[in-house]
Amino acid sequence: QVQLVESGGGSAQAGGSLRLSCAASGNILSINVMGWYRQAPGKQRELVATITRGCITNYADSVKGRFTISRDNRVNEVFLQMNRLKPEETGVYYCKVKQYNGMDYWGKGTPVTVSS
């Protein structure tokens, strides 16, 4: 089992920045991929970015060049630096990890509000 706790959500003006953090605990050695997803009001949850244990990254096209995902395997945390935020990126941001056996675990989410 893996437990995830997100932090860093909040409010920002359009064009501003926020940094999200997600701390993992439990069976951390089993974690391969860590990532961030978001769900805007009335919409489906979507991928924002992922990073493997070897730090191979993948981004949604809409955030490339503005968001940066990183991880620190020593403290079992994954981060999402979000720059040049847009109002349409308002929503709840969720941390997700995938174990080597394919099992997924989700955090409870942290809200992000971007005002114009």
N, C-alpha and C. Protein backbone atom coordinates (compact mmCIF):
# COMPACT_ATOMS: atom_id res chain seq x y z
N GLN A 1 0.84 -1.20 0.00
CA GLN A 1 0.00 0.00 0.00
C GLN A 1 0.87 1.24 0.00
N VAL A 2 0.37 2.27 -0.66
CA VAL A 2 1.06 3.55 -0.73
C VAL A 2 0.07 4.64 -0.32
N GLN A 3 0.53 5.54 0.50
CA GLN A 3 -0.28 6.70 0.88
C GLN A 3 0.34 7.95 0.27
N LEU A 4 -0.53 8.83 -0.21
CA LEU A 4 -0.08 10.05 -0.88
C LEU A 4 -0.74 11.26 -0.25
N VAL A 5 0.05 12.29 -0.03
CA VAL A 5 -0.49 13.54 0.52
C VAL A 5 0.01 14.69 -0.34
N GLU A 6 -0.94 15.40 -0.95
CA GLU A 6 -0.59 16.54 -1.79
C GLU A 6 -0.62 17.83 -0.97
N SER A 7 0.16 18.79 -1.41
CA SER A 7 0.14 20.12 -0.81
C SER A 7 0.57 21.14 -1.85
N GLY A 8 0.34 22.40 -1.54
CA GLY A 8 0.80 23.47 -2.41
C GLY A 8 -0.26 24.09 -3.28
N GLY A 9 -1.45 23.53 -3.26
CA GLY A 9 -2.51 24.14 -4.05
C GLY A 9 -2.91 25.48 -3.46
N GLY A 10 -3.71 26.21 -4.21
CA GLY A 10 -4.16 27.51 -3.73
C GLY A 10 -4.62 28.35 -4.89
N SER A 11 -4.46 29.65 -4.73
CA SER A 11 -4.93 30.60 -5.73
C SER A 11 -3.77 31.33 -6.37
N ALA A 12 -3.94 31.65 -7.63
CA ALA A 12 -2.95 32.42 -8.35
C ALA A 12 -3.65 33.26 -9.41
N GLN A 13 -3.02 34.32 -9.78
CA GLN A 13 -3.50 35.12 -10.89
C GLN A 13 -3.05 34.47 -12.19
N ALA A 14 -3.79 34.73 -13.25
CA ALA A 14 -3.36 34.26 -14.56
C ALA A 14 -1.96 34.80 -14.84
N GLY A 15 -1.11 33.89 -15.33
CA GLY A 15 0.28 34.26 -15.56
C GLY A 15 1.19 33.99 -14.38
N GLY A 16 0.58 33.64 -13.24
CA GLY A 16 1.35 33.39 -12.04
C GLY A 16 1.84 31.96 -11.94
N SER A 17 2.37 31.63 -10.77
CA SER A 17 2.98 30.32 -10.56
C SER A 17 2.51 29.69 -9.26
N LEU A 18 2.51 28.37 -9.26
CA LEU A 18 2.29 27.59 -8.05
C LEU A 18 3.17 26.36 -8.13
N ARG A 19 3.51 25.84 -6.96
CA ARG A 19 4.31 24.61 -6.90
C ARG A 19 3.58 23.60 -6.03
N LEU A 20 3.30 22.46 -6.61
CA LEU A 20 2.62 21.39 -5.90
C LEU A 20 3.63 20.35 -5.44
N SER A 21 3.34 19.75 -4.30
CA SER A 21 4.17 18.68 -3.78
C SER A 21 3.29 17.49 -3.43
N CYS A 22 3.86 16.31 -3.54
CA CYS A 22 3.15 15.09 -3.16
C CYS A 22 4.15 14.18 -2.45
N ALA A 23 3.84 13.85 -1.21
CA ALA A 23 4.70 12.98 -0.42
C ALA A 23 4.12 11.58 -0.37
N ALA A 24 4.95 10.61 -0.67
CA ALA A 24 4.53 9.21 -0.65
C ALA A 24 5.08 8.52 0.58
N SER A 25 4.28 7.62 1.12
CA SER A 25 4.72 6.81 2.25
C SER A 25 4.16 5.40 2.07
N GLY A 26 4.67 4.49 2.86
CA GLY A 26 4.23 3.10 2.74
C GLY A 26 5.23 2.30 1.93
N ASN A 27 4.74 1.53 0.97
CA ASN A 27 5.57 0.66 0.16
C ASN A 27 6.22 1.45 -0.98
N ILE A 28 7.11 2.36 -0.60
CA ILE A 28 7.66 3.32 -1.57
C ILE A 28 8.63 2.69 -2.55
N LEU A 29 9.28 1.62 -2.19
CA LEU A 29 10.24 1.00 -3.10
C LEU A 29 9.55 0.37 -4.29
N SER A 30 8.25 0.18 -4.19
CA SER A 30 7.50 -0.42 -5.29
C SER A 30 7.03 0.60 -6.32
N ILE A 31 7.31 1.88 -6.06
CA ILE A 31 6.80 2.93 -6.94
C ILE A 31 7.69 3.09 -8.16
N ASN A 32 7.08 3.05 -9.34
CA ASN A 32 7.81 3.31 -10.57
C ASN A 32 7.50 4.73 -11.06
N VAL A 33 6.28 4.93 -11.49
CA VAL A 33 5.90 6.21 -12.08
C VAL A 33 5.14 7.06 -11.07
N MET A 34 5.47 8.33 -11.02
CA MET A 34 4.72 9.30 -10.22
C MET A 34 4.18 10.35 -11.18
N GLY A 35 3.00 10.88 -10.88
CA GLY A 35 2.45 11.84 -11.82
C GLY A 35 1.39 12.73 -11.21
N TRP A 36 1.01 13.68 -12.02
CA TRP A 36 -0.03 14.64 -11.64
C TRP A 36 -1.14 14.60 -12.69
N TYR A 37 -2.35 14.64 -12.20
CA TYR A 37 -3.54 14.71 -13.03
C TYR A 37 -4.40 15.85 -12.50
N ARG A 38 -5.31 16.33 -13.32
CA ARG A 38 -6.19 17.40 -12.84
C ARG A 38 -7.60 17.16 -13.36
N GLN A 39 -8.54 17.72 -12.61
CA GLN A 39 -9.93 17.62 -13.00
C GLN A 39 -10.57 18.99 -12.84
N ALA A 40 -10.94 19.57 -13.96
CA ALA A 40 -11.63 20.86 -13.95
C ALA A 40 -13.10 20.62 -13.66
N PRO A 41 -13.79 21.61 -13.14
CA PRO A 41 -15.22 21.46 -12.84
C PRO A 41 -16.01 21.00 -14.06
N GLY A 42 -16.74 19.92 -13.91
CA GLY A 42 -17.57 19.41 -14.99
C GLY A 42 -16.84 18.65 -16.07
N LYS A 43 -15.56 18.40 -15.86
CA LYS A 43 -14.78 17.71 -16.88
C LYS A 43 -14.15 16.45 -16.33
N GLN A 44 -13.64 15.63 -17.24
CA GLN A 44 -12.98 14.39 -16.83
C GLN A 44 -11.57 14.69 -16.34
N ARG A 45 -11.10 13.80 -15.49
CA ARG A 45 -9.72 13.91 -15.02
C ARG A 45 -8.78 13.69 -16.19
N GLU A 46 -7.70 14.47 -16.25
CA GLU A 46 -6.76 14.37 -17.36
C GLU A 46 -5.32 14.38 -16.86
N LEU A 47 -4.47 13.79 -17.67
CA LEU A 47 -3.05 13.75 -17.37
C LEU A 47 -2.44 15.14 -17.49
N VAL A 48 -1.58 15.48 -16.52
CA VAL A 48 -0.79 16.70 -16.63
C VAL A 48 0.66 16.33 -16.94
N ALA A 49 1.25 15.49 -16.10
CA ALA A 49 2.64 15.11 -16.30
C ALA A 49 2.96 13.86 -15.49
N THR A 50 3.91 13.09 -15.99
CA THR A 50 4.39 11.92 -15.25
C THR A 50 5.91 11.89 -15.29
N ILE A 51 6.47 11.15 -14.34
CA ILE A 51 7.93 10.99 -14.28
C ILE A 51 8.23 9.61 -13.74
N THR A 52 9.13 8.91 -14.40
CA THR A 52 9.50 7.58 -13.96
C THR A 52 10.57 7.67 -12.87
N ARG A 53 10.86 6.53 -12.26
CA ARG A 53 11.90 6.50 -11.24
C ARG A 53 13.23 6.94 -11.83
N GLY A 54 13.43 6.66 -13.11
CA GLY A 54 14.65 7.09 -13.78
C GLY A 54 14.57 8.50 -14.35
N CYS A 55 13.50 9.23 -13.98
CA CYS A 55 13.32 10.63 -14.34
C CYS A 55 13.05 10.88 -15.82
N ILE A 56 12.41 9.93 -16.46
CA ILE A 56 11.89 10.17 -17.80
C ILE A 56 10.52 10.83 -17.64
N THR A 57 10.35 11.96 -18.29
CA THR A 57 9.13 12.75 -18.10
C THR A 57 8.21 12.69 -19.32
N ASN A 58 6.95 12.96 -19.04
CA ASN A 58 5.93 13.04 -20.09
C ASN A 58 4.96 14.13 -19.69
N TYR A 59 4.60 14.99 -20.66
CA TYR A 59 3.72 16.11 -20.37
C TYR A 59 2.54 16.15 -21.33
N ALA A 60 1.42 16.64 -20.82
CA ALA A 60 0.33 16.97 -21.72
C ALA A 60 0.78 18.11 -22.61
N ASP A 61 0.34 18.09 -23.84
CA ASP A 61 0.76 19.14 -24.79
C ASP A 61 0.43 20.53 -24.26
N SER A 62 -0.67 20.65 -23.55
CA SER A 62 -1.13 21.97 -23.11
C SER A 62 -0.24 22.61 -22.06
N VAL A 63 0.61 21.81 -21.41
CA VAL A 63 1.44 22.36 -20.34
C VAL A 63 2.93 22.37 -20.69
N LYS A 64 3.28 21.82 -21.82
CA LYS A 64 4.70 21.77 -22.21
C LYS A 64 5.28 23.17 -22.28
N GLY A 65 6.45 23.32 -21.70
CA GLY A 65 7.12 24.61 -21.69
C GLY A 65 6.71 25.52 -20.54
N ARG A 66 5.66 25.13 -19.82
CA ARG A 66 5.22 25.96 -18.69
C ARG A 66 5.28 25.20 -17.35
N PHE A 67 5.03 23.91 -17.39
CA PHE A 67 5.05 23.10 -16.17
C PHE A 67 6.29 22.21 -16.17
N THR A 68 6.81 21.95 -14.97
CA THR A 68 7.95 21.06 -14.83
C THR A 68 7.67 20.07 -13.70
N ILE A 69 7.77 18.79 -14.02
CA ILE A 69 7.62 17.76 -13.00
C ILE A 69 8.99 17.28 -12.59
N SER A 70 9.15 17.01 -11.31
CA SER A 70 10.42 16.49 -10.80
C SER A 70 10.11 15.58 -9.61
N ARG A 71 11.11 14.81 -9.24
CA ARG A 71 10.92 13.93 -8.09
C ARG A 71 12.22 13.80 -7.33
N ASP A 72 12.09 13.54 -6.05
CA ASP A 72 13.24 13.29 -5.20
C ASP A 72 13.03 11.92 -4.58
N ASN A 73 13.73 10.94 -5.10
CA ASN A 73 13.55 9.57 -4.62
C ASN A 73 14.07 9.39 -3.20
N ARG A 74 14.94 10.29 -2.75
CA ARG A 74 15.46 10.16 -1.39
C ARG A 74 14.38 10.42 -0.35
N VAL A 75 13.48 11.34 -0.67
CA VAL A 75 12.41 11.68 0.29
C VAL A 75 11.04 11.29 -0.25
N ASN A 76 11.05 10.59 -1.40
CA ASN A 76 9.80 10.04 -1.94
C ASN A 76 8.75 11.11 -2.19
N GLU A 77 9.18 12.16 -2.87
CA GLU A 77 8.26 13.23 -3.20
C GLU A 77 8.31 13.53 -4.70
N VAL A 78 7.19 13.98 -5.20
CA VAL A 78 7.10 14.44 -6.58
C VAL A 78 6.55 15.86 -6.54
N PHE A 79 7.05 16.68 -7.45
CA PHE A 79 6.71 18.10 -7.47
C PHE A 79 6.19 18.49 -8.85
N LEU A 80 5.38 19.54 -8.85
CA LEU A 80 4.93 20.10 -10.11
C LEU A 80 5.05 21.61 -10.02
N GLN A 81 6.00 22.16 -10.75
CA GLN A 81 6.16 23.60 -10.84
C GLN A 81 5.30 24.09 -11.99
N MET A 82 4.35 24.95 -11.68
CA MET A 82 3.41 25.43 -12.69
C MET A 82 3.62 26.92 -12.91
N ASN A 83 4.04 27.29 -14.09
CA ASN A 83 4.28 28.69 -14.43
C ASN A 83 3.31 29.13 -15.52
N ARG A 84 3.12 30.43 -15.60
CA ARG A 84 2.24 31.03 -16.62
C ARG A 84 0.88 30.35 -16.61
N LEU A 85 0.32 30.26 -15.43
CA LEU A 85 -0.96 29.59 -15.26
C LEU A 85 -2.08 30.30 -16.01
N LYS A 86 -3.06 29.50 -16.43
CA LYS A 86 -4.21 30.00 -17.17
C LYS A 86 -5.50 29.74 -16.37
N PRO A 87 -6.49 30.58 -16.51
CA PRO A 87 -7.75 30.36 -15.77
C PRO A 87 -8.37 29.00 -16.02
N GLU A 88 -8.24 28.48 -17.24
CA GLU A 88 -8.85 27.19 -17.56
C GLU A 88 -8.13 26.03 -16.88
N GLU A 89 -7.03 26.32 -16.20
CA GLU A 89 -6.32 25.27 -15.46
C GLU A 89 -6.79 25.17 -14.01
N THR A 90 -7.82 25.90 -13.70
CA THR A 90 -8.47 25.76 -12.40
C THR A 90 -9.05 24.36 -12.25
N GLY A 91 -8.87 23.78 -11.08
CA GLY A 91 -9.42 22.46 -10.84
C GLY A 91 -8.75 21.82 -9.64
N VAL A 92 -8.99 20.55 -9.48
CA VAL A 92 -8.34 19.78 -8.42
C VAL A 92 -7.21 18.98 -9.04
N TYR A 93 -6.05 19.09 -8.45
CA TYR A 93 -4.86 18.40 -8.94
C TYR A 93 -4.58 17.19 -8.05
N TYR A 94 -4.44 16.06 -8.70
CA TYR A 94 -4.25 14.79 -8.00
C TYR A 94 -2.87 14.20 -8.30
N CYS A 95 -2.28 13.68 -7.26
CA CYS A 95 -1.04 12.92 -7.39
C CYS A 95 -1.42 11.45 -7.59
N LYS A 96 -0.72 10.80 -8.47
CA LYS A 96 -0.93 9.37 -8.69
C LYS A 96 0.41 8.67 -8.82
N VAL A 97 0.52 7.50 -8.25
CA VAL A 97 1.72 6.69 -8.44
C VAL A 97 1.32 5.32 -8.98
N LYS A 98 2.22 4.76 -9.75
CA LYS A 98 2.00 3.42 -10.28
C LYS A 98 3.14 2.54 -9.80
N GLN A 99 2.76 1.44 -9.18
CA GLN A 99 3.78 0.50 -8.73
C GLN A 99 4.30 -0.32 -9.91
N TYR A 100 5.41 -1.01 -9.69
CA TYR A 100 5.97 -1.87 -10.73
C TYR A 100 5.01 -3.00 -11.10
N ASN A 101 4.13 -3.37 -10.18
CA ASN A 101 3.16 -4.44 -10.48
C ASN A 101 1.90 -3.91 -11.17
N GLY A 102 1.89 -2.60 -11.47
CA GLY A 102 0.77 -2.02 -12.20
C GLY A 102 -0.31 -1.40 -11.34
N MET A 103 -0.22 -1.57 -10.04
CA MET A 103 -1.24 -1.01 -9.14
C MET A 103 -1.09 0.51 -9.07
N ASP A 104 -2.24 1.20 -9.10
CA ASP A 104 -2.25 2.65 -9.00
C ASP A 104 -2.77 3.10 -7.63
N TYR A 105 -2.20 4.20 -7.15
CA TYR A 105 -2.70 4.84 -5.94
C TYR A 105 -2.87 6.33 -6.21
N TRP A 106 -3.94 6.89 -5.66
CA TRP A 106 -4.25 8.30 -5.85
C TRP A 106 -4.24 9.05 -4.53
N GLY A 107 -3.83 10.31 -4.59
CA GLY A 107 -4.00 11.19 -3.46
C GLY A 107 -5.41 11.76 -3.46
N LYS A 108 -5.72 12.53 -2.43
CA LYS A 108 -7.07 13.09 -2.30
C LYS A 108 -7.24 14.37 -3.11
N GLY A 109 -6.16 14.92 -3.59
CA GLY A 109 -6.25 16.10 -4.43
C GLY A 109 -6.01 17.39 -3.69
N THR A 110 -5.54 18.38 -4.43
CA THR A 110 -5.35 19.72 -3.88
C THR A 110 -5.93 20.71 -4.88
N PRO A 111 -6.75 21.65 -4.42
CA PRO A 111 -7.41 22.56 -5.36
C PRO A 111 -6.49 23.69 -5.83
N VAL A 112 -6.65 24.03 -7.09
CA VAL A 112 -5.92 25.15 -7.70
C VAL A 112 -6.95 26.06 -8.36
N THR A 113 -6.88 27.33 -8.04
CA THR A 113 -7.77 28.32 -8.64
C THR A 113 -6.94 29.39 -9.30
N VAL A 114 -7.17 29.59 -10.59
CA VAL A 114 -6.45 30.62 -11.34
C VAL A 114 -7.46 31.66 -11.78
N SER A 115 -7.27 32.86 -11.33
CA SER A 115 -8.20 33.94 -11.66
C SER A 115 -7.65 34.81 -12.76
N SER A 116 -8.57 35.34 -13.54
CA SER A 116 -8.14 36.17 -14.69
C SER A 116 -8.01 37.62 -14.30
